[in-house]
Amino acid sequence: MLSFAHDLVARATRLFIAGSGEPALWTISVRSRVVGTLVEEAAGRRLTWFDGADRRLTNYTGPIDGDVEALERAFGLRLGTPVNLDSLPV
């Protein structure tokens, strides 16, 4: 199920970031459930949250332009449970 969600998010995101510099995409998952994405484009990075994502994540206002692993740890500390950011090919 998680790989299906990854494929779906990757396909949808390609439509939005096609033609930009060096795009990158990560899914954000909690307990094997994809709750959002982190997209990197020429203009910078942005977070997108899906319906049902925990408010402790959606209310995050910290930096997102640094190390992805540090962001993953920051999200995990906010929730008190592991959060995974998985890179997808774009």
Protein backbone atom coordinates (compact mmCIF):
# COMPACT_ATOMS: atom_id res chain seq x y z
CA MET A 1 0.00 0.00 0.00
CA LEU A 2 2.82 2.42 0.86
CA SER A 3 4.57 1.82 -2.47
CA PHE A 4 1.29 2.50 -4.29
CA ALA A 5 0.97 5.81 -2.43
CA HIS A 6 4.57 6.69 -3.32
CA ASP A 7 3.89 5.96 -7.00
CA LEU A 8 0.71 8.01 -6.97
CA VAL A 9 2.37 11.01 -5.32
CA ALA A 10 5.37 10.80 -7.65
CA ARG A 11 3.20 10.77 -10.77
CA ALA A 12 1.06 13.68 -9.61
CA THR A 13 4.05 15.75 -8.58
CA ARG A 14 5.81 15.29 -11.92
CA LEU A 15 3.02 17.30 -13.52
CA PHE A 16 3.68 20.26 -11.26
CA ILE A 17 7.46 20.35 -11.26
CA ALA A 18 8.26 19.31 -14.82
CA GLY A 19 10.70 21.66 -16.45
CA SER A 20 12.17 23.13 -13.25
CA GLY A 21 15.87 22.91 -12.34
CA GLU A 22 16.72 19.90 -10.18
CA PRO A 23 13.45 18.88 -8.56
CA ALA A 24 13.29 16.50 -5.64
CA LEU A 25 10.38 14.87 -3.85
CA TRP A 26 10.00 13.18 -0.50
CA THR A 27 6.93 11.54 0.99
CA ILE A 28 6.32 12.12 4.67
CA SER A 29 4.93 9.08 6.43
CA VAL A 30 3.91 8.17 9.97
CA ARG A 31 3.35 4.52 10.84
CA SER A 32 3.44 3.57 7.13
CA ARG A 33 0.78 6.16 6.24
CA VAL A 34 1.76 8.93 3.83
CA VAL A 35 0.61 12.22 5.38
CA GLY A 36 2.37 14.77 3.17
CA THR A 37 5.17 15.67 0.80
CA LEU A 38 8.26 17.82 0.72
CA VAL A 39 8.99 19.19 -2.75
CA GLU A 40 12.20 20.93 -3.79
CA GLU A 41 12.13 23.09 -6.90
CA ALA A 42 14.11 26.02 -8.23
CA ALA A 43 12.05 28.39 -6.03
CA GLY A 44 12.87 26.43 -2.85
CA ARG A 45 11.19 23.78 -0.74
CA ARG A 46 7.57 23.50 0.28
CA LEU A 47 5.53 21.19 2.45
CA THR A 48 2.13 19.87 1.45
CA TRP A 49 -0.06 18.04 3.95
CA PHE A 50 -2.83 15.58 3.13
CA ASP A 51 -6.22 15.47 4.85
CA GLY A 52 -5.93 13.82 8.23
CA ALA A 53 -2.30 14.80 8.85
CA ASP A 54 -1.58 15.46 12.52
CA ARG A 55 -1.87 19.14 13.47
CA ARG A 56 1.50 18.98 15.22
CA LEU A 57 2.97 18.47 11.76
CA THR A 58 0.74 20.82 9.80
CA ASN A 59 1.48 23.63 12.27
CA TYR A 60 5.26 23.23 11.82
CA THR A 61 6.84 26.63 11.11
CA GLY A 62 10.50 25.72 11.43
CA PRO A 63 13.09 25.68 8.67
CA ILE A 64 12.69 23.28 5.75
CA ASP A 65 15.68 24.36 3.68
CA GLY A 66 18.31 22.42 5.61
CA ASP A 67 19.13 18.75 5.99
CA VAL A 68 16.21 16.41 5.22
CA GLU A 69 17.30 14.02 7.99
CA ALA A 70 17.21 16.89 10.51
CA LEU A 71 13.68 17.72 9.36
CA GLU A 72 12.70 14.08 9.76
CA ARG A 73 14.04 14.13 13.34
CA ALA A 74 12.25 17.43 14.09
CA PHE A 75 8.94 15.97 12.91
CA GLY A 76 9.53 12.83 14.97
CA LEU A 77 10.20 14.88 18.10
CA ARG A 78 6.99 16.87 17.54
CA LEU A 79 4.92 13.67 17.30
CA GLY A 80 6.81 11.49 19.74
CA THR A 81 6.94 8.74 17.11
CA PRO A 82 9.18 8.08 14.09
CA VAL A 83 8.44 10.09 10.96
CA ASN A 84 9.96 8.99 7.65
CA LEU A 85 10.89 11.19 4.72
CA ASP A 86 11.44 8.92 1.74
CA SER A 87 13.02 10.28 -1.42
CA LEU A 88 11.24 9.43 -4.64
CA PRO A 89 12.65 9.58 -8.15
CA VAL A 90 11.27 12.50 -10.10
